[in-house]
Amino acid sequence: FVGPLLYELTPAEARTKGVIATTRQTVVELAPSPNFLRLYEASEKDVEARRMLAVLCPQKVHALVHTLRSAAARKVLVFCDKVEALALLADDVLRREEAAAGGGVERPFLGVLSGGVGQKRRREVYEAVRTPHAKGVALFSRVGGAALDFPDGELIVAVSLVDGAAQQKTQRDGRVQ
């Protein structure tokens, strides 16, 4: 261990003691289009391509945009563990939001935070998200899932989870209060 051990609790105990937020989870399962399914099946031998396709499935992106529009007056934290897909996802979400708003974005975009983001920009995004009562959307890679707290985050959307999904969910639940 590095430093003192702060908590040795199960996720249920941590929620009961108020260490992490009590959350309600909704799982949305989407049926891919026949064309997408053919493309996905054709990439059977390319595991990396399949992972990217799974993250960027058009039905999933559409559902994300719909969720963001439904939560317009909230602070939304979106997690995507596939770093390569994160920038594409951010661009696609912004493009769709702009198109829906007739060219003007209705909601502030608080930024993207991943390991590839420089320290200055990382601080800017972190401060924008930490600003009390700020509303908008921020996208995170695994960097945002551990060691960063966003006490007034209201909605967490996990677009993709990789290995250790249960642990990641618990850590992410702990980011909001």
Protein backbone atom coordinates (compact mmCIF):
# COMPACT_ATOMS: atom_id res chain seq x y z
CA PHE A 1 0.00 0.00 0.00
CA VAL A 2 1.02 3.59 -0.59
CA GLY A 3 -0.18 5.76 2.28
CA PRO A 4 -2.67 4.83 4.97
CA LEU A 5 -5.57 2.49 4.34
CA LEU A 6 -8.65 4.70 4.51
CA TYR A 7 -11.52 2.28 3.94
CA GLU A 8 -11.88 -1.44 3.97
CA LEU A 9 -15.57 -1.70 3.16
CA THR A 10 -17.69 -3.54 0.65
CA PRO A 11 -19.52 -1.28 -1.80
CA ALA A 12 -22.79 -1.90 0.10
CA GLU A 13 -21.18 -0.92 3.42
CA ALA A 14 -19.63 2.17 1.84
CA ARG A 15 -23.05 3.28 0.53
CA THR A 16 -24.70 2.67 3.91
CA LYS A 17 -22.03 4.74 5.68
CA GLY A 18 -22.33 7.54 3.11
CA VAL A 19 -18.77 7.08 1.83
CA ILE A 20 -20.03 6.67 -1.73
CA ALA A 21 -23.27 7.81 -3.29
CA THR A 22 -26.39 5.70 -3.34
CA THR A 23 -27.12 5.21 -7.00
CA ARG A 24 -29.81 3.84 -9.22
CA GLN A 25 -28.55 1.89 -12.20
CA THR A 26 -30.35 1.49 -15.49
CA VAL A 27 -28.96 -0.85 -18.11
CA VAL A 28 -29.97 -0.05 -21.66
CA GLU A 29 -29.65 -2.89 -24.15
CA LEU A 30 -29.83 -1.95 -27.80
CA ALA A 31 -30.28 -4.16 -30.82
CA PRO A 32 -27.73 -3.31 -33.51
CA SER A 33 -28.90 -2.72 -37.05
CA PRO A 34 -28.42 -5.62 -39.50
CA ASN A 35 -25.71 -3.66 -41.36
CA PHE A 36 -23.81 -2.95 -38.14
CA LEU A 37 -24.14 -6.57 -37.05
CA ARG A 38 -22.67 -7.76 -40.37
CA LEU A 39 -19.74 -5.36 -39.97
CA TYR A 40 -19.18 -6.48 -36.38
CA GLU A 41 -19.30 -10.16 -37.31
CA ALA A 42 -16.91 -9.57 -40.23
CA SER A 43 -14.32 -8.22 -37.78
CA GLU A 44 -14.32 -11.49 -35.82
CA LYS A 45 -10.53 -11.88 -35.93
CA ASP A 46 -9.73 -8.27 -35.09
CA VAL A 47 -10.46 -7.90 -31.36
CA GLU A 48 -9.46 -4.23 -31.29
CA ALA A 49 -11.77 -3.37 -34.20
CA ARG A 50 -14.62 -5.18 -32.45
CA ARG A 51 -14.06 -3.18 -29.27
CA MET A 52 -14.11 0.10 -31.20
CA LEU A 53 -17.26 -0.94 -33.05
CA ALA A 54 -18.94 -1.91 -29.78
CA VAL A 55 -18.23 1.54 -28.31
CA LEU A 56 -19.17 3.51 -31.41
CA CYS A 57 -22.25 1.52 -32.38
CA PRO A 58 -24.62 4.08 -33.94
CA GLN A 59 -27.54 2.93 -31.78
CA LYS A 60 -25.42 3.42 -28.65
CA VAL A 61 -24.32 6.91 -29.69
CA HIS A 62 -27.93 7.82 -30.53
CA ALA A 63 -29.06 6.58 -27.09
CA LEU A 64 -26.28 8.61 -25.45
CA VAL A 65 -27.31 11.79 -27.26
CA HIS A 66 -30.96 11.16 -26.31
CA THR A 67 -29.93 10.66 -22.67
CA LEU A 68 -27.91 13.89 -22.71
CA ARG A 69 -30.83 15.83 -24.16
CA SER A 70 -33.16 14.38 -21.51
CA ALA A 71 -30.72 15.50 -18.80
CA ALA A 72 -30.16 19.01 -20.16
CA ALA A 73 -30.34 20.70 -16.77
CA ARG A 74 -27.88 18.35 -15.07
CA LYS A 75 -24.16 17.74 -14.74
CA VAL A 76 -23.48 14.54 -16.68
CA LEU A 77 -20.29 12.49 -16.46
CA VAL A 78 -19.76 10.10 -19.39
CA PHE A 79 -17.16 7.35 -19.07
CA CYS A 80 -15.62 5.52 -22.01
CA ASP A 81 -12.70 3.20 -21.26
CA LYS A 82 -11.66 2.92 -24.88
CA VAL A 83 -9.41 5.99 -25.12
CA GLU A 84 -9.19 5.78 -28.91
CA ALA A 85 -12.97 6.01 -29.11
CA LEU A 86 -13.29 8.83 -26.59
CA ALA A 87 -12.36 11.69 -28.95
CA LEU A 88 -14.54 10.27 -31.73
CA LEU A 89 -17.42 9.91 -29.31
CA ALA A 90 -16.96 13.48 -28.04
CA ASP A 91 -16.90 14.83 -31.61
CA ASP A 92 -19.99 12.83 -32.56
CA VAL A 93 -21.93 13.91 -29.46
CA LEU A 94 -21.05 17.57 -30.04
CA ARG A 95 -21.95 17.38 -33.75
CA ARG A 96 -25.34 15.84 -32.97
CA GLU A 97 -26.04 18.35 -30.18
CA GLU A 98 -25.20 21.23 -32.54
CA ALA A 99 -27.40 19.82 -35.29
CA ALA A 100 -30.32 19.41 -32.89
CA ALA A 101 -29.88 22.97 -31.63
CA GLY A 102 -29.78 24.39 -35.16
CA GLY A 103 -26.06 25.15 -35.00
CA GLY A 104 -25.93 26.45 -31.42
CA VAL A 105 -25.01 24.08 -28.61
CA GLU A 106 -27.72 24.17 -25.93
CA ARG A 107 -25.56 22.70 -23.20
CA PRO A 108 -22.06 23.59 -22.08
CA PHE A 109 -19.44 21.04 -22.99
CA LEU A 110 -17.18 20.79 -19.95
CA GLY A 111 -14.48 18.84 -21.74
CA VAL A 112 -12.73 15.53 -22.26
CA LEU A 113 -10.35 14.10 -19.69
CA SER A 114 -8.02 11.25 -20.55
CA GLY A 115 -4.41 10.29 -19.98
CA GLY A 116 -3.40 11.97 -23.24
CA VAL A 117 -4.66 15.39 -22.14
CA GLY A 118 -1.95 17.84 -21.05
CA GLN A 119 -1.76 19.06 -17.46
CA LYS A 120 -3.05 22.56 -18.23
CA ARG A 121 -6.13 21.33 -20.10
CA ARG A 122 -6.65 18.59 -17.50
CA ARG A 123 -6.80 21.24 -14.75
CA GLU A 124 -9.23 23.35 -16.81
CA VAL A 125 -11.60 20.42 -17.36
CA TYR A 126 -11.30 19.32 -13.74
CA GLU A 127 -12.13 22.84 -12.49
CA ALA A 128 -15.04 23.19 -14.94
CA VAL A 129 -16.54 19.93 -13.70
CA ARG A 130 -15.85 20.73 -10.04
CA THR A 131 -17.52 24.15 -10.26
CA PRO A 132 -20.55 23.98 -7.95
CA HIS A 133 -23.90 23.94 -9.74
CA ALA A 134 -22.27 23.97 -13.20
CA LYS A 135 -24.36 22.10 -15.75
CA GLY A 136 -23.06 20.34 -18.81
CA VAL A 137 -21.40 17.17 -20.02
CA ALA A 138 -17.86 15.90 -19.51
CA LEU A 139 -16.35 12.78 -21.04
CA PHE A 140 -13.74 10.71 -19.20
CA SER A 141 -11.49 7.78 -19.84
CA ARG A 142 -10.42 5.58 -16.91
CA VAL A 143 -8.55 8.63 -15.56
CA GLY A 144 -11.82 10.09 -14.30
CA GLY A 145 -12.89 6.84 -12.67
CA ALA A 146 -10.30 6.83 -9.91
CA ALA A 147 -9.04 9.51 -7.55
CA LEU A 148 -11.16 12.39 -8.86
CA ASP A 149 -14.26 13.54 -7.03
CA PHE A 150 -17.20 15.39 -8.58
CA PRO A 151 -19.56 15.87 -5.66
CA ASP A 152 -22.38 17.51 -7.58
CA GLY A 153 -22.35 15.17 -10.58
CA GLU A 154 -25.93 14.08 -11.14
CA LEU A 155 -25.81 11.46 -13.86
CA ILE A 156 -23.11 8.94 -14.75
CA VAL A 157 -23.22 7.23 -18.14
CA ALA A 158 -20.88 4.32 -18.78
CA VAL A 159 -20.55 3.91 -22.53
CA SER A 160 -18.03 1.11 -22.24
CA LEU A 161 -16.35 -0.78 -19.45
CA VAL A 162 -13.41 -3.10 -19.81
CA ASP A 163 -11.83 -5.53 -17.36
CA GLY A 164 -12.81 -4.96 -13.74
CA ALA A 165 -16.21 -3.47 -14.58
CA ALA A 166 -17.68 -4.05 -11.08
CA GLN A 167 -14.73 -2.32 -9.42
CA GLN A 168 -14.91 0.54 -11.93
CA LYS A 169 -18.62 1.01 -11.26
CA THR A 170 -18.00 1.25 -7.52
CA GLN A 171 -15.16 3.74 -8.05
CA ARG A 172 -17.30 5.84 -10.38
CA ASP A 173 -20.23 5.80 -7.98
CA GLY A 174 -17.80 7.23 -5.46
CA ARG A 175 -17.07 10.21 -7.72
CA VAL A 176 -20.48 11.72 -7.06
CA GLN A 177 -22.34 12.38 -3.81
